[in-house]
Protein backbone atom coordinates (compact mmCIF):
# COMPACT_ATOMS: atom_id res chain seq x y z
CA MET A 1 0.24 -0.24 0.18
CA MET A 2 1.80 3.43 -1.14
CA GLN A 3 2.42 5.42 1.88
CA MET A 4 -0.14 9.03 1.65
CA GLN A 5 2.57 12.00 1.13
CA LYS A 6 1.90 14.44 3.83
CA PRO A 7 -0.14 17.47 3.24
CA ILE A 8 1.96 20.75 2.83
CA HIS A 9 1.05 23.25 4.83
CA ARG A 10 -0.01 26.63 2.98
CA ALA A 11 2.55 29.48 3.49
CA PRO A 12 1.33 32.34 5.41
CA ARG A 13 0.02 35.57 3.32
CA ARG A 14 2.79 37.75 4.82
CA PHE A 15 5.51 35.69 3.35
CA LEU A 16 8.97 35.40 5.49
CA PHE A 17 10.98 36.29 2.10
CA MET A 18 9.57 40.08 2.17
CA PRO A 19 11.73 41.80 4.54
CA ALA A 20 14.69 40.29 2.95
CA LEU A 21 13.21 41.40 -0.52
CA LEU A 22 12.85 44.92 0.81
CA MET A 23 16.62 44.93 1.41
CA CYS A 24 17.78 43.52 -1.17
CA MET A 25 15.31 46.01 -3.29
CA ILE A 26 16.85 48.67 -1.28
CA ALA A 27 20.44 47.87 -1.63
CA PHE A 28 19.57 47.49 -5.72
CA ILE A 29 18.55 51.36 -5.73
CA LEU A 30 21.83 52.42 -3.95
CA LEU A 31 23.71 50.37 -5.88
CA GLY A 32 21.79 52.14 -8.81
CA ALA A 33 22.38 55.68 -7.50
CA VAL A 34 26.53 54.95 -7.51
CA VAL A 35 27.42 52.88 -9.91
CA VAL A 36 24.82 54.39 -13.01
CA PRO A 37 26.44 57.06 -14.24
CA GLN A 38 25.38 60.96 -13.42
CA THR A 39 24.72 60.98 -17.56
CA ALA A 40 22.72 58.37 -18.56
CA SER A 41 25.11 56.28 -21.38
CA ALA A 42 24.25 56.85 -25.02
CA HIS A 43 24.97 53.74 -27.34
CA ALA A 44 26.35 55.45 -30.45
CA SER A 45 28.03 58.49 -29.45
CA LEU A 46 29.52 61.67 -31.89
CA VAL A 47 33.09 61.26 -32.90
CA GLN A 48 32.86 64.46 -35.54
CA ALA A 49 30.65 67.51 -36.34
CA ILE A 50 31.13 69.94 -39.20
CA PRO A 51 31.76 72.63 -38.51
CA GLU A 52 32.60 72.06 -34.73
CA ALA A 53 31.36 73.33 -31.61
CA GLY A 54 32.14 76.78 -30.92
CA THR A 55 33.47 77.58 -33.95
CA LYS A 56 33.53 81.19 -35.92
CA LEU A 57 33.65 80.95 -39.27
CA GLU A 58 34.32 83.55 -41.92
CA SER A 59 31.27 82.81 -44.28
CA SER A 60 28.35 80.22 -44.38
CA PRO A 61 29.25 76.73 -44.64
CA PRO A 62 27.80 74.89 -47.51
CA GLN A 63 26.81 71.72 -45.35
CA VAL A 64 26.61 70.69 -41.40
CA THR A 65 27.83 66.77 -40.85
CA VAL A 66 27.59 64.95 -37.70
CA THR A 67 29.58 61.42 -37.85
CA PHE A 68 28.39 58.90 -35.26
CA ASN A 69 31.12 55.62 -33.67
CA GLU A 70 28.61 53.27 -34.75
CA GLN A 71 25.98 52.35 -37.46
CA LEU A 72 22.20 54.41 -37.15
CA ASP A 73 18.68 53.29 -37.61
CA ALA A 74 17.85 54.92 -40.84
CA GLY A 75 14.04 55.59 -39.68
CA LEU A 76 14.02 58.40 -37.60
CA PHE A 77 16.53 61.54 -37.35
CA TYR A 78 17.25 65.00 -38.11
CA ILE A 79 19.45 67.87 -38.33
CA LYS A 80 18.16 71.39 -37.70
CA VAL A 81 19.80 75.01 -37.48
CA PHE A 82 18.23 77.79 -35.60
CA ASN A 83 18.86 81.79 -35.78
CA HIS A 84 19.13 83.86 -32.93
CA ASN A 85 15.44 84.03 -33.07
CA GLY A 86 15.04 80.31 -32.33
CA ASP A 87 14.20 80.16 -36.01
CA ASP A 88 14.72 77.24 -38.61
CA VAL A 89 16.43 78.67 -40.99
CA THR A 90 16.10 75.99 -43.70
CA SER A 91 13.64 73.40 -45.01
CA ASN A 92 16.12 71.06 -46.18
CA LYS A 93 16.16 67.63 -44.82
CA ALA A 94 19.21 65.92 -43.17
CA HIS A 95 20.23 62.78 -45.44
CA MET A 96 22.12 59.65 -43.69
CA ASN A 97 25.25 58.90 -45.49
CA LYS A 98 25.87 55.60 -47.22
CA ASP A 99 27.38 53.35 -44.25
CA GLN A 100 24.40 54.44 -41.89
CA THR A 101 27.12 56.13 -39.17
CA GLY A 102 26.45 59.98 -40.13
CA LEU A 103 24.30 62.64 -41.24
CA GLU A 104 24.59 65.54 -43.90
CA LEU A 105 22.59 68.87 -44.04
CA ASN A 106 22.90 71.39 -47.02
CA LEU A 107 22.39 74.77 -46.43
CA PRO A 108 21.59 78.02 -47.89
CA LYS A 109 23.64 80.68 -47.57
CA LEU A 110 23.52 82.24 -44.50
CA PRO A 111 24.12 85.85 -43.40
CA GLU A 112 26.34 86.64 -40.45
CA GLY A 113 24.85 85.21 -37.05
CA VAL A 114 24.79 82.88 -34.09
CA TYR A 115 23.14 79.87 -34.89
CA LEU A 116 22.81 76.83 -33.23
CA ILE A 117 22.86 72.86 -34.80
CA SER A 118 20.67 70.74 -33.18
CA TYR A 119 20.91 66.78 -34.15
CA HIS A 120 18.88 63.89 -32.96
CA VAL A 121 19.44 59.98 -34.27
CA ILE A 122 18.64 56.61 -32.79
CA SER A 123 21.19 54.28 -32.68
CA ALA A 124 21.24 50.82 -34.04
CA ASP A 125 20.43 49.09 -30.21
CA GLY A 126 17.02 51.64 -30.27
CA HIS A 127 18.63 53.94 -28.12
CA PRO A 128 18.39 57.97 -28.60
CA VAL A 129 21.48 60.15 -28.86
CA GLY A 130 21.28 63.95 -29.79
CA GLY A 131 22.41 67.24 -28.74
CA SER A 132 22.99 70.77 -29.84
CA TYR A 133 26.14 73.29 -30.12
CA PRO A 134 26.37 77.13 -31.42
CA ILE A 135 28.26 78.29 -34.49
CA THR A 136 29.05 82.08 -35.49
CA ILE A 137 29.40 83.14 -38.84
CA GLY A 138 31.08 86.20 -39.82
CA ASN A 139 30.88 88.91 -36.91
CA PRO A 140 27.17 89.38 -35.71
CA PRO A 141 26.11 92.47 -33.27
CA GLN A 142 26.57 91.77 -29.74
CA GLU A 143 23.20 91.82 -29.39
CA ASP A 144 22.33 88.94 -31.73
CA VAL A 145 22.77 85.99 -28.83
CA LEU A 146 20.71 82.64 -28.88
CA ASP A 147 17.29 83.09 -27.61
CA LEU A 148 15.76 79.72 -28.38
CA PRO A 149 12.77 78.02 -26.98
CA SER A 150 13.70 75.98 -24.79
CA ALA A 151 12.52 72.92 -26.80
CA HIS A 152 15.15 73.49 -28.63
CA ALA A 153 18.07 74.63 -26.36
CA GLY A 154 20.88 72.31 -25.96
CA HIS A 155 18.71 68.93 -25.60
CA GLU A 156 20.82 65.65 -24.88
CA HIS A 157 18.72 62.91 -25.68
CA GLY A 158 20.17 59.46 -23.45
CA ALA A 159 22.56 62.33 -21.58
CA GLY A 160 21.61 64.42 -19.00
CA PRO A 161 21.47 64.31 -14.87
CA LEU A 162 19.95 60.93 -13.24
CA THR A 163 16.19 62.94 -12.73
CA THR A 164 13.30 61.28 -11.98
CA LYS A 165 12.71 60.92 -15.33
CA VAL A 166 15.54 58.76 -16.03
CA LEU A 167 15.24 56.89 -12.66
CA LEU A 168 11.29 55.91 -13.82
CA GLN A 169 13.06 54.91 -17.23
CA TYR A 170 15.16 52.50 -15.67
CA ALA A 171 12.65 51.42 -13.38
CA SER A 172 10.26 50.64 -16.43
CA ARG A 173 12.70 48.74 -18.22
CA GLY A 174 13.21 46.49 -15.20
CA LEU A 175 9.53 45.93 -14.47
CA TRP A 176 8.84 45.47 -18.07
CA TYR A 177 11.73 42.52 -18.22
CA LEU A 178 10.43 40.82 -15.19
CA MET A 179 6.88 40.63 -16.10
CA ILE A 180 7.77 39.27 -20.31
CA LEU A 181 9.93 36.65 -18.69
CA ALA A 182 7.39 35.47 -15.90
CA MET A 183 4.54 35.64 -18.01
CA THR A 184 6.12 33.62 -21.18
CA GLY A 185 7.96 31.36 -18.77
CA TRP A 186 4.58 30.92 -17.35
CA VAL A 187 2.78 30.00 -20.23
CA ILE A 188 5.75 27.49 -21.38
CA TRP A 189 5.99 25.72 -18.05
CA LEU A 190 1.88 25.02 -18.35
CA ARG A 191 2.07 22.89 -21.52
CA LEU A 192 5.36 20.98 -20.11
CA PRO A 193 4.95 17.69 -18.82
CA GLY A 194 4.57 18.04 -15.20
CA ALA A 195 3.07 20.82 -14.29
CA GLY A 196 -0.23 19.98 -13.50
CA GLY A 197 -2.16 19.51 -17.25
CA ALA A 198 -5.01 20.26 -18.00
CA GLU A 199 -6.43 20.64 -14.72
CA ALA A 200 -3.82 22.88 -13.51
CA ARG A 201 -3.92 25.35 -16.57
CA LYS A 202 -7.70 25.88 -15.24
CA SER A 203 -6.58 26.20 -12.15
CA LEU A 204 -4.46 28.43 -12.96
CA ALA A 205 -6.10 30.72 -15.45
CA SER A 206 -6.74 33.96 -13.20
CA TRP A 207 -3.19 33.86 -13.03
CA THR A 208 -2.22 33.69 -16.30
CA LEU A 209 -4.67 36.12 -17.34
CA ASN A 210 -3.17 38.31 -14.76
CA LEU A 211 0.42 38.07 -15.76
CA GLN A 212 -0.84 38.33 -19.40
CA ARG A 213 -2.24 42.07 -17.82
CA ALA A 214 0.82 42.99 -16.19
CA GLN A 215 3.35 42.69 -18.63
CA LEU A 216 1.23 44.37 -20.70
CA VAL A 217 0.77 47.40 -18.28
CA ALA A 218 4.56 47.25 -17.95
CA PHE A 219 4.76 47.49 -21.56
CA LEU A 220 2.83 50.55 -22.47
CA LEU A 221 4.64 52.23 -19.30
CA LEU A 222 7.93 51.73 -20.94
CA ILE A 223 6.80 53.13 -24.22
CA PHE A 224 5.01 56.00 -22.19
CA THR A 225 8.40 56.78 -20.25
CA HIS A 226 10.90 56.42 -23.46
CA ILE A 227 8.65 57.75 -26.47
CA GLU A 228 9.12 61.67 -25.93
CA ASP A 229 13.14 60.51 -25.75
CA LEU A 230 12.95 58.60 -29.38
CA LEU A 231 10.81 61.26 -31.00
CA GLY A 232 13.47 63.84 -30.22
CA GLY A 233 10.88 66.64 -29.91
CA GLY A 234 9.21 65.78 -33.59
CA GLY A 235 6.11 65.99 -32.12
CA ALA A 236 2.67 63.90 -32.99
CA GLU A 237 3.80 64.00 -36.58
CA GLU A 238 6.78 61.72 -36.25
CA ILE A 239 5.06 59.01 -34.21
CA TRP A 240 4.09 57.18 -37.24
CA LYS A 241 7.46 57.18 -38.55
CA LEU A 242 8.78 55.96 -35.38
CA PHE A 243 6.53 52.61 -35.48
CA SER A 244 6.96 52.17 -39.50
CA ALA A 245 10.49 52.77 -39.98
CA THR A 246 12.56 52.58 -36.88
CA THR A 247 13.58 48.97 -35.62
CA ILE A 248 12.88 49.73 -32.36
CA GLY A 249 9.32 50.97 -33.27
CA ILE A 250 8.21 48.19 -35.00
CA SER A 251 9.18 45.84 -32.49
CA TRP A 252 7.06 47.59 -30.11
CA ALA A 253 4.18 47.06 -32.51
CA LEU A 254 4.82 43.78 -33.03
CA LEU A 255 5.18 43.17 -28.80
CA LEU A 256 1.73 44.91 -28.46
CA VAL A 257 -0.20 43.18 -31.27
CA LEU A 258 1.33 40.07 -29.65
CA SER A 259 0.79 40.88 -26.46
CA PHE A 260 -3.28 41.44 -27.41
CA LEU A 261 -3.13 38.31 -29.40
CA GLY A 262 -1.59 36.68 -26.39
CA PHE A 263 -5.54 37.35 -24.52
CA VAL A 264 -7.25 35.09 -27.24
CA LEU A 265 -4.45 32.70 -28.14
CA VAL A 266 -3.18 31.94 -24.81
CA GLY A 267 -4.64 28.00 -23.04
CA ARG A 268 -6.38 26.64 -26.45
CA VAL A 269 -3.62 24.88 -28.46
CA MET A 270 -0.56 23.31 -27.14
CA TRP A 271 1.49 24.35 -30.37
CA LEU A 272 0.15 27.74 -30.06
CA ASP A 273 1.15 27.84 -26.25
CA LEU A 274 4.29 27.00 -27.12
CA LEU A 275 4.84 29.55 -30.24
CA TRP A 276 3.43 32.62 -28.69
CA PRO A 277 5.78 33.44 -25.99
CA LEU A 278 8.54 31.93 -28.33
CA CYS A 279 7.31 34.82 -30.78
CA LEU A 280 7.00 37.37 -28.25
CA LEU A 281 10.99 36.53 -26.79
CA ALA A 282 12.14 36.57 -30.38
CA VAL A 283 10.82 39.99 -31.52
CA LYS A 284 12.57 41.44 -28.31
CA SER A 285 15.77 40.01 -29.09
CA PHE A 286 16.05 41.66 -32.18
CA SER A 287 16.39 44.87 -30.06
CA GLY A 288 18.86 46.18 -27.52
CA HIS A 289 22.66 45.53 -27.53
CA ALA A 290 22.79 42.32 -29.87
CA ALA A 291 21.23 44.69 -32.65
CA SER A 292 24.14 46.55 -32.86
CA PHE A 293 26.66 44.40 -32.76
CA SER A 294 28.19 41.81 -35.43
CA PRO A 295 27.82 39.17 -36.62
CA LEU A 296 24.19 39.68 -36.38
CA TRP A 297 22.64 36.33 -36.58
CA ALA A 298 24.96 35.29 -33.78
CA THR A 299 24.33 38.34 -31.45
CA ILE A 300 20.63 37.90 -32.08
CA GLY A 301 20.25 34.06 -32.00
CA LEU A 302 22.47 33.98 -28.66
CA ASP A 303 20.19 36.92 -26.76
CA PHE A 304 17.05 34.98 -28.00
CA ILE A 305 18.87 31.65 -26.42
CA HIS A 306 19.78 33.60 -22.92
CA LEU A 307 15.94 35.55 -23.28
CA VAL A 308 14.54 31.56 -23.51
CA GLY A 309 16.56 30.67 -20.76
CA ALA A 310 15.95 33.02 -18.44
CA ALA A 311 11.88 32.67 -18.96
CA CYS A 312 12.43 29.17 -17.84
CA TRP A 313 13.84 29.90 -14.98
CA VAL A 314 11.72 32.85 -13.65
CA GLY A 315 8.20 31.91 -15.23
CA GLY A 316 9.07 28.07 -13.26
CA LEU A 317 9.91 29.99 -10.08
CA VAL A 318 6.78 32.15 -10.08
CA LEU A 319 4.60 29.30 -11.16
CA LEU A 320 6.17 26.97 -8.18
CA TYR A 321 5.79 29.91 -5.64
CA VAL A 322 2.01 29.87 -6.68
CA LYS A 323 1.70 26.29 -5.96
CA TRP A 324 2.98 26.47 -2.73
CA ARG A 325 0.63 28.81 -2.13
CA GLN A 326 -2.08 27.13 -2.95
CA LYS A 327 -1.30 24.04 -1.25
CA ASP A 328 -1.24 22.12 -4.96
CA TYR A 329 -0.69 18.25 -4.38
CA ASP A 330 1.79 17.93 -6.67
CA VAL A 331 3.97 20.34 -5.59
CA SER A 332 7.26 18.11 -4.28
CA SER A 333 6.71 16.49 -8.15
CA TYR A 334 6.71 20.12 -9.96
CA MET A 335 9.72 21.13 -7.71
CA GLN A 336 12.08 17.90 -8.88
CA LYS A 337 11.28 18.94 -12.28
CA PHE A 338 11.85 22.63 -12.11
CA SER A 339 14.93 22.22 -10.21
CA ASN A 340 16.17 20.15 -13.09
CA MET A 341 14.81 22.52 -15.14
CA ALA A 342 16.59 25.49 -13.39
CA LEU A 343 19.82 23.32 -13.76
CA ILE A 344 19.75 23.43 -17.41
CA SER A 345 18.56 27.15 -17.59
CA ILE A 346 20.95 28.17 -15.94
CA LEU A 347 23.95 26.51 -17.53
CA VAL A 348 22.58 27.87 -20.87
CA LEU A 349 22.20 31.50 -19.19
CA THR A 350 26.02 31.15 -18.05
CA LEU A 351 26.68 30.09 -21.41
CA SER A 352 25.16 32.35 -23.62
CA GLY A 353 25.64 35.04 -21.26
CA SER A 354 29.46 34.49 -22.03
CA LEU A 355 29.43 34.32 -25.50
CA SER A 356 27.45 37.27 -25.58
CA VAL A 357 30.03 39.10 -23.53
CA LEU A 358 32.77 38.11 -25.61
CA LEU A 359 31.09 39.30 -28.91
CA PHE A 360 30.57 43.11 -27.27
CA LEU A 361 33.95 43.19 -25.48
CA PRO A 362 37.42 43.12 -27.56
CA ASN A 363 38.75 42.33 -24.49
CA LEU A 364 37.33 41.26 -20.76
CA HIS A 365 39.44 43.98 -19.23
CA TYR A 366 36.70 46.55 -20.44
CA LEU A 367 34.07 45.20 -17.97
CA LEU A 368 35.97 47.14 -15.33
CA TYR A 369 35.79 50.47 -17.48
CA SER A 370 32.10 50.76 -17.15
CA ALA A 371 29.16 51.21 -15.42
CA TRP A 372 27.60 48.46 -17.83
CA GLY A 373 30.40 46.22 -16.93
CA ILE A 374 30.34 46.57 -13.40
CA LEU A 375 26.81 45.98 -12.77
CA LEU A 376 27.17 42.98 -15.19
CA LEU A 377 29.81 41.67 -12.56
CA VAL A 378 27.19 42.17 -9.59
CA LYS A 379 24.67 40.36 -11.50
CA ILE A 380 27.49 37.23 -12.29
CA GLY A 381 28.00 37.39 -8.55
CA ALA A 382 24.04 37.14 -7.85
CA VAL A 383 23.88 34.00 -10.15
CA VAL A 384 26.81 32.35 -8.58
CA LEU A 385 24.60 32.22 -5.26
CA VAL A 386 21.98 30.80 -7.32
CA MET A 387 23.32 28.01 -8.31
CA LEU A 388 24.47 27.35 -4.60
CA ILE A 389 21.17 28.29 -3.58
CA GLY A 390 20.16 25.55 -6.23
CA LEU A 391 22.72 23.12 -5.08
CA VAL A 392 20.69 23.50 -1.37
CA ILE A 393 17.98 22.67 -2.60
CA ARG A 394 18.60 19.94 -4.66
CA LEU A 395 20.22 18.65 -1.67
CA PHE A 396 17.14 18.91 0.64
CA MET A 397 14.83 16.88 -1.82
CA ARG A 398 16.89 13.88 -2.25
CA LYS A 399 16.68 13.71 1.42
CA GLY A 400 13.00 14.01 0.43
CA MET A 401 12.75 17.44 3.05
CA VAL A 402 10.78 19.53 0.45
CA ASN A 403 9.16 21.61 3.46
CA GLN A 404 12.37 22.51 4.93
CA SER A 405 13.86 23.55 1.37
CA LEU A 406 10.84 26.59 1.74
CA LEU A 407 13.27 28.88 2.80
CA TRP A 408 15.88 28.31 0.14
CA VAL A 409 13.08 28.70 -2.37
CA LYS A 410 12.07 32.44 -1.65
CA LEU A 411 16.14 33.35 -1.46
CA ASP A 412 15.99 32.23 -5.04
CA LEU A 413 12.74 34.11 -5.77
CA THR A 414 14.47 37.19 -4.13
CA LEU A 415 17.73 36.92 -5.97
CA MET A 416 15.41 36.02 -9.50
CA VAL A 417 13.80 39.37 -8.81
CA VAL A 418 17.44 41.57 -8.02
CA ILE A 419 18.98 39.86 -10.89
CA VAL A 420 16.24 41.03 -13.49
CA LEU A 421 15.94 44.56 -12.03
CA LEU A 422 19.75 44.62 -12.56
CA VAL A 423 19.25 43.57 -15.92
CA GLY A 424 16.80 46.62 -16.54
CA LEU A 425 19.87 48.67 -15.92
CA ILE A 426 22.08 46.84 -17.86
CA THR A 427 19.92 46.82 -21.05
CA TYR A 428 20.00 50.48 -21.03
CA MET A 429 23.99 51.34 -21.00
CA ALA A 430 26.66 50.95 -23.16
CA PRO A 431 28.81 47.51 -23.22
CA ILE A 432 31.61 49.77 -24.62
CA PRO A 433 32.63 53.30 -22.70
CA VAL A 434 32.19 56.32 -24.79
CA ASN A 435 35.25 57.46 -26.34
CA GLU A 436 35.95 61.53 -24.78
CA PRO A 437 38.59 63.67 -26.36
CA LEU A 438 41.40 63.89 -23.81
CA GLN A 439 42.44 66.99 -22.46
CA TRP A 440 45.85 66.64 -20.60
CA HIS A 441 48.04 69.77 -18.90
CA GLN A 442 51.11 68.96 -16.69
CA MET A 443 52.94 71.48 -14.81
CA GLY A 444 56.82 71.60 -14.22
CA GLU A 445 59.11 73.98 -12.60
CA LYS A 446 60.29 75.40 -16.02
CA VAL A 447 58.16 73.56 -18.45
CA HIS A 448 54.31 73.22 -19.21
CA VAL A 449 52.95 70.98 -21.33
CA SER A 450 49.21 70.55 -22.89
CA ALA A 451 47.84 67.92 -25.21
CA ASP A 452 44.47 67.77 -26.64
CA ILE A 453 43.45 64.43 -28.83
CA THR A 454 39.81 64.77 -30.49
CA PRO A 455 38.02 62.82 -30.60
CA LYS A 456 40.26 60.04 -29.35
CA ILE A 457 38.79 57.57 -31.62
CA GLN A 458 40.44 54.55 -33.27
CA GLY A 459 41.36 56.45 -36.53
CA THR A 460 41.65 59.80 -37.70
CA ASN A 461 41.99 62.06 -34.61
CA THR A 462 42.95 65.62 -34.24
CA PHE A 463 46.32 66.40 -31.87
CA VAL A 464 47.33 69.66 -30.46
CA ALA A 465 50.23 70.04 -28.13
CA LYS A 466 50.92 73.90 -26.81
CA VAL A 467 54.73 73.92 -24.66
CA PHE A 468 54.72 77.12 -22.25
CA LEU A 469 58.51 78.11 -21.79
CA PRO A 470 60.14 80.88 -19.52
CA GLU A 471 60.11 83.93 -21.48
CA LYS A 472 63.71 84.46 -21.40
CA ALA A 473 64.30 80.99 -22.47
CA GLY A 474 62.98 81.82 -26.20
CA LYS A 475 61.54 78.74 -28.38
CA PRO A 476 61.80 75.10 -28.04
CA LYS A 477 64.70 73.49 -29.91
CA GLN A 478 62.50 70.34 -30.38
CA VAL A 479 58.71 68.94 -29.64
CA LEU A 480 58.04 65.18 -29.48
CA MET A 481 54.78 63.73 -29.16
CA ILE A 482 55.11 60.27 -29.18
CA LEU A 483 52.06 57.40 -28.84
CA ARG A 484 53.24 54.19 -27.34
CA TYR A 485 50.38 51.09 -27.70
CA LEU A 486 50.61 49.12 -24.53
CA ASP A 487 48.91 45.96 -25.19
CA ASP A 488 51.10 45.03 -27.72
CA LYS A 489 54.99 45.63 -26.92
CA GLU A 490 55.81 44.41 -30.58
CA ILE A 491 54.33 47.31 -31.94
CA ALA A 492 57.07 50.21 -32.34
CA PRO A 493 56.38 53.95 -30.86
CA ILE A 494 54.61 56.37 -33.37
CA SER A 495 55.73 59.42 -33.32
CA VAL A 496 52.98 62.10 -34.46
CA PRO A 497 54.48 64.72 -36.77
CA LEU A 498 53.35 68.14 -34.98
CA THR A 499 53.52 71.23 -37.15
CA VAL A 500 53.64 75.28 -35.48
CA TYR A 501 49.98 76.45 -35.86
CA GLU A 502 48.55 80.32 -35.54
CA ASP A 503 47.13 79.73 -31.86
CA LYS A 504 44.00 82.36 -30.95
CA GLU A 505 43.00 80.46 -28.26
CA LYS A 506 43.10 82.99 -25.18
CA GLU A 507 43.92 81.13 -22.28
CA GLU A 508 46.12 81.14 -18.88
CA SER A 509 49.91 81.42 -20.01
CA TYR A 510 50.83 81.18 -15.90
CA GLY A 511 53.55 84.00 -16.91
CA PHE A 512 55.37 81.80 -19.93
CA ALA A 513 55.13 81.98 -23.66
CA LYS A 514 53.09 79.51 -25.79
CA PHE A 515 53.69 77.45 -28.69
CA SER A 516 51.26 75.38 -29.94
CA TYR A 517 51.46 72.67 -32.78
CA LYS A 518 48.89 70.75 -34.42
CA ALA A 519 48.80 67.22 -36.63
CA GLU A 520 45.99 65.34 -37.87
CA GLY A 521 45.94 61.42 -38.84
CA ALA A 522 45.49 58.27 -37.89
CA TYR A 523 47.57 57.71 -34.93
CA LEU A 524 45.89 56.03 -33.03
CA PRO A 525 45.03 52.73 -35.44
CA PHE A 526 43.78 50.33 -32.30
CA ARG A 527 41.50 50.05 -29.37
CA GLY A 528 43.09 49.97 -25.86
CA ASN A 529 45.69 50.99 -23.61
CA TRP A 530 47.60 53.57 -24.76
CA GLU A 531 50.81 55.94 -23.37
CA LEU A 532 51.27 59.35 -24.63
CA GLU A 533 55.28 61.20 -24.38
CA MET A 534 55.39 64.99 -24.41
CA ARG A 535 59.41 65.27 -25.11
CA VAL A 536 60.45 69.17 -24.66
CA MET A 537 63.67 70.13 -25.41
CA ASP A 538 64.55 74.05 -24.74
CA ALA A 539 67.50 76.06 -26.60
CA ASP A 540 69.93 74.68 -23.90
CA ASP A 541 69.65 71.16 -25.03
CA ASN A 542 67.65 70.13 -21.72
CA GLU A 543 65.25 67.56 -22.47
CA THR A 544 61.91 67.69 -19.97
CA VAL A 545 59.82 64.46 -20.61
CA TYR A 546 55.64 63.88 -19.26
CA GLN A 547 53.51 60.28 -19.95
CA LYS A 548 50.02 59.94 -20.05
CA ALA A 549 48.29 56.85 -20.06
CA PHE A 550 44.67 56.54 -21.72
CA ILE A 551 42.32 54.41 -23.33
CA VAL A 552 40.90 54.11 -26.43
CA TYR A 553 37.35 52.45 -26.38
């Protein structure tokens, strides 16, 4: 005669893990405030603007061009030029260059004046990037200062202080990511053997419906908090273009259609219950970091596999919690199947995540250079804890101590929420930090030097060197700018061929005479760690050497 299984006592309504979950949430918020940069990371960054910001031109330029460090979405973009009254000076539309990394706008002949150039693009991974900067043509009257509407003045899509709006954007991404994983994984699990079959689907129908509703509400909240930045101040007339011509907009439209179809399709036929969530996750995988790295078949494919693995873990864990709460008689059997699936899911997540990182980053050292990398390391630490907790749960199950493993399951659920919220931050940060121009000044007893590298990217840059010597010392006999690639000692130092130029910039000379030099060329051919060396020899053959380390991302 088979021994009857002891009934499992229903978990209390006020769960014991709530204090732990609350503490984790507080720690997560504090971590975000410390690690998240005070300017949200833009995923495409401006590397060249012609005319440059702050330029004073003798005559009207024929066109404006802005170039970025990666491919852009070709569906929604603009360059606008405003005069000092805030009027758009041309009805011409910007067009994208052949390799989709920049915009060009042809200009009519402009009179003397101060103008504001404003640009807006969407990077390949669906993040808005934009900014504004002034130029001057001729010698306009002093009173012709820029008097522009706030909508045009200095907007920076994807950058700025960590405001309430930005925090809401991070929160909406984390919430939606949690809900889409929980809902799709839940639907898949209810069709897998061991979940309870038709009887379980019927008893859990209200949970299925509420998860679908929660996912849709979270998704609408995400759209609401992000659509203004994506439109870039273009107004309602650009909404159709966003949803019909951009990758992020089309993915949003498809996700909305699939979400509404789910209310009709889910629970009817087995193959639809498996296909529908996979379609949702597939559409999701076409937006985000995977869309901006190559080869696309690998990055998007790995992202899809990663999402499916995460959905199986999250949805299965939510189903386990519900079964425990409802005092389901087969929770012990289901827990065994979930434990096996969770182990497979974690292995899939680890493998697909590791391969994606290798495709995203040129070097694993980049994990230490950005907030994205630091948060990813925190996430990896949380995943390791999940694996350890999973081992503990499996040990309890092997000994038949299912009830005793309840606390560990609750810890697993808490870590799952924290990990998904971390992903909500990670998905909106650039894996590779944005290159910023190098501006370095080194003061010494007898020699001061300045060195600027703009925009400090792999490829062509402008190099400016300035030497400050005592008035009586005369001109320097020799000024050398030498670049050393620290990641490969076999590559010989690169000498930048400096030439003297007329420097009209007024700056503090510290009572010394200033001598300015410039060069332009592809003297930074590789990404990685570099060392800039400035060698100055005065008229008496005294040589001063200064060195500065920097990174080209």
